[in-house]
Amino acid sequence: MTITKTPTTINSAWATKGSAAAPDPAGAKGKTLSVSRLTIVAGDALGPHIHEGEQVSRVEKGTLTYMVLKGDAPVYTGSPEGAPKLVHRIRAGETADIEPGQWLVEKQSNVHSARTRGTGYVEIVLASLLRTGAPPATPKSNKK
């Protein structure tokens, strides 16, 4: 497996650091597996979007307010390798706060948005399996 470092920025306030990517991992031809750490400044928001594949997002610091516009997103705590515990499932039209130590699974069909809560920053670790060449987030209309 070849690892390539990929500096990625969703926007100026949503900058990743320390990301690595592996194109065409076993069983996922045409996709890129990446791991990155995302820091979001206080008061910032990311509008409705999708990921062109699947993504697991774990909040490390701060509180992320997450809204699902289409689909649903399960939120867990604990190790994904052990026995993760389902905290709740955010359904279309619902908003929930994701706290440190919690993580969620984002499917390609889910349209969602996110923002920071409070005066501090939010730090997230992302594991993504996206279409090779796809941006980290693809904007979508919040209209049905």
Protein backbone atom coordinates (compact mmCIF):
# COMPACT_ATOMS: atom_id res chain seq x y z
CA MET A 1 0.00 0.00 0.00
CA THR A 2 1.34 3.43 -0.93
CA ILE A 3 0.77 6.26 1.53
CA THR A 4 0.71 9.80 0.16
CA LYS A 5 0.41 12.91 2.27
CA THR A 6 -2.43 15.15 1.14
CA PRO A 7 -2.81 18.69 2.44
CA THR A 8 -6.53 19.37 2.27
CA THR A 9 -8.58 22.40 3.13
CA ILE A 10 -12.37 22.40 3.11
CA ASN A 11 -12.32 26.16 3.65
CA SER A 12 -9.98 28.53 5.42
CA ALA A 13 -11.42 27.77 8.85
CA TRP A 14 -11.76 24.00 8.37
CA ALA A 15 -8.13 23.05 7.79
CA THR A 16 -6.83 19.53 8.05
CA LYS A 17 -3.40 18.72 9.36
CA GLY A 18 -1.40 15.55 9.37
CA SER A 19 -3.47 13.76 6.74
CA ALA A 20 -2.37 10.64 4.86
CA ALA A 21 -4.04 8.82 1.98
CA ALA A 22 -3.79 5.46 0.20
CA PRO A 23 -5.38 5.18 -3.25
CA ASP A 24 -7.00 1.91 -4.36
CA PRO A 25 -6.88 0.03 -1.03
CA ALA A 26 -7.67 -3.70 -1.15
CA GLY A 27 -11.34 -4.21 -2.04
CA ALA A 28 -11.96 -0.56 -2.93
CA LYS A 29 -10.60 0.09 -6.42
CA GLY A 30 -11.22 3.65 -7.56
CA LYS A 31 -11.42 4.94 -3.98
CA THR A 32 -8.92 6.56 -1.65
CA LEU A 33 -8.65 5.71 2.02
CA SER A 34 -7.51 8.67 4.11
CA VAL A 35 -7.06 9.63 7.73
CA SER A 36 -6.83 13.26 8.80
CA ARG A 37 -7.27 15.59 11.74
CA LEU A 38 -9.60 18.55 11.21
CA THR A 39 -9.61 21.68 13.37
CA ILE A 40 -12.67 23.93 13.20
CA VAL A 41 -12.57 27.44 14.66
CA ALA A 42 -15.23 28.67 17.07
CA GLY A 43 -18.39 29.96 15.42
CA ASP A 44 -17.73 28.39 12.02
CA ALA A 45 -20.18 26.26 10.04
CA LEU A 46 -20.15 23.99 7.02
CA GLY A 47 -23.32 24.11 4.93
CA PRO A 48 -25.24 21.15 3.52
CA HIS A 49 -22.94 18.62 1.89
CA ILE A 50 -22.25 14.96 1.21
CA HIS A 51 -19.11 12.84 1.08
CA GLU A 52 -18.56 10.86 -2.11
CA GLY A 53 -18.13 7.63 -0.16
CA GLU A 54 -18.18 6.84 3.54
CA GLN A 55 -16.60 8.69 6.42
CA VAL A 56 -16.22 8.07 10.14
CA SER A 57 -15.79 11.23 12.22
CA ARG A 58 -14.61 11.15 15.84
CA VAL A 59 -14.77 14.32 17.93
CA GLU A 60 -11.59 14.70 20.00
CA LYS A 61 -12.10 18.21 21.44
CA GLY A 62 -15.03 20.63 21.65
CA THR A 63 -18.66 20.06 20.68
CA LEU A 64 -19.81 19.63 17.09
CA THR A 65 -23.45 20.44 16.33
CA TYR A 66 -24.53 18.12 13.51
CA MET A 67 -27.73 18.30 11.45
CA VAL A 68 -28.98 15.59 9.11
CA LEU A 69 -31.05 16.88 6.20
CA LYS A 70 -31.46 13.54 4.35
CA GLY A 71 -30.75 10.05 5.63
CA ASP A 72 -29.53 9.31 9.13
CA ALA A 73 -26.26 9.11 11.06
CA PRO A 74 -25.61 6.75 13.96
CA VAL A 75 -23.54 8.22 16.81
CA TYR A 76 -21.41 5.86 18.90
CA THR A 77 -19.06 5.89 21.85
CA GLY A 78 -16.35 3.37 22.66
CA SER A 79 -13.96 1.54 20.40
CA PRO A 80 -15.13 0.60 16.90
CA GLU A 81 -12.96 -2.52 17.24
CA GLY A 82 -14.54 -3.62 20.52
CA ALA A 83 -18.18 -3.24 21.39
CA PRO A 84 -19.20 0.27 20.35
CA LYS A 85 -22.28 1.64 22.08
CA LEU A 86 -24.95 3.40 20.02
CA VAL A 87 -25.58 6.76 21.72
CA HIS A 88 -28.34 7.85 19.34
CA ARG A 89 -29.27 8.00 15.66
CA ILE A 90 -29.69 11.44 14.12
CA ARG A 91 -32.52 11.27 11.59
CA ALA A 92 -33.44 13.66 8.77
CA GLY A 93 -34.55 16.99 10.22
CA GLU A 94 -32.80 16.40 13.56
CA THR A 95 -29.83 18.16 15.12
CA ALA A 96 -27.56 16.72 17.80
CA ASP A 97 -24.38 17.66 19.63
CA ILE A 98 -21.46 15.29 19.17
CA GLU A 99 -19.22 15.36 22.26
CA PRO A 100 -15.57 14.35 22.69
CA GLY A 101 -15.15 10.57 22.48
CA GLN A 102 -18.25 10.16 20.29
CA TRP A 103 -18.06 9.24 16.62
CA LEU A 104 -20.51 8.97 13.77
CA VAL A 105 -20.75 7.12 10.49
CA GLU A 106 -21.57 9.22 7.44
CA LYS A 107 -22.91 7.38 4.38
CA GLN A 108 -22.67 8.79 0.87
CA SER A 109 -26.44 9.28 0.65
CA ASN A 110 -26.60 11.45 3.80
CA VAL A 111 -26.94 15.19 3.32
CA HIS A 112 -25.78 16.96 6.47
CA SER A 113 -24.28 20.15 7.86
CA ALA A 114 -22.21 20.95 10.93
CA ARG A 115 -21.07 23.85 13.09
CA THR A 116 -19.08 24.48 16.19
CA ARG A 117 -20.83 25.15 19.47
CA GLY A 118 -19.56 27.50 22.12
CA THR A 119 -16.45 29.63 22.11
CA GLY A 120 -13.83 26.92 21.65
CA TYR A 121 -12.57 25.08 18.63
CA VAL A 122 -13.52 21.53 17.61
CA GLU A 123 -11.00 18.89 16.64
CA ILE A 124 -12.10 15.81 14.69
CA VAL A 125 -10.26 12.74 13.41
CA LEU A 126 -11.65 11.58 10.07
CA ALA A 127 -11.31 8.20 8.39
CA SER A 128 -12.65 8.48 4.84
CA LEU A 129 -13.11 6.09 1.95
CA LEU A 130 -14.03 8.42 -0.91
CA ARG A 131 -14.05 8.26 -4.69
CA THR A 132 -10.49 8.98 -5.84
CA GLY A 133 -10.27 12.66 -6.74
CA ALA A 134 -13.39 13.62 -4.77
CA PRO A 135 -13.24 16.71 -2.56
CA PRO A 136 -13.53 16.20 1.22
CA ALA A 137 -17.06 17.65 1.07
CA THR A 138 -19.38 18.14 -1.90
CA PRO A 139 -21.94 20.96 -1.41
CA LYS A 140 -25.62 20.03 -1.71
CA SER A 141 -28.81 22.03 -1.68
CA ASN A 142 -30.90 21.72 1.48
CA LYS A 143 -34.02 21.60 -0.71
CA LYS A 144 -35.72 18.21 -1.16
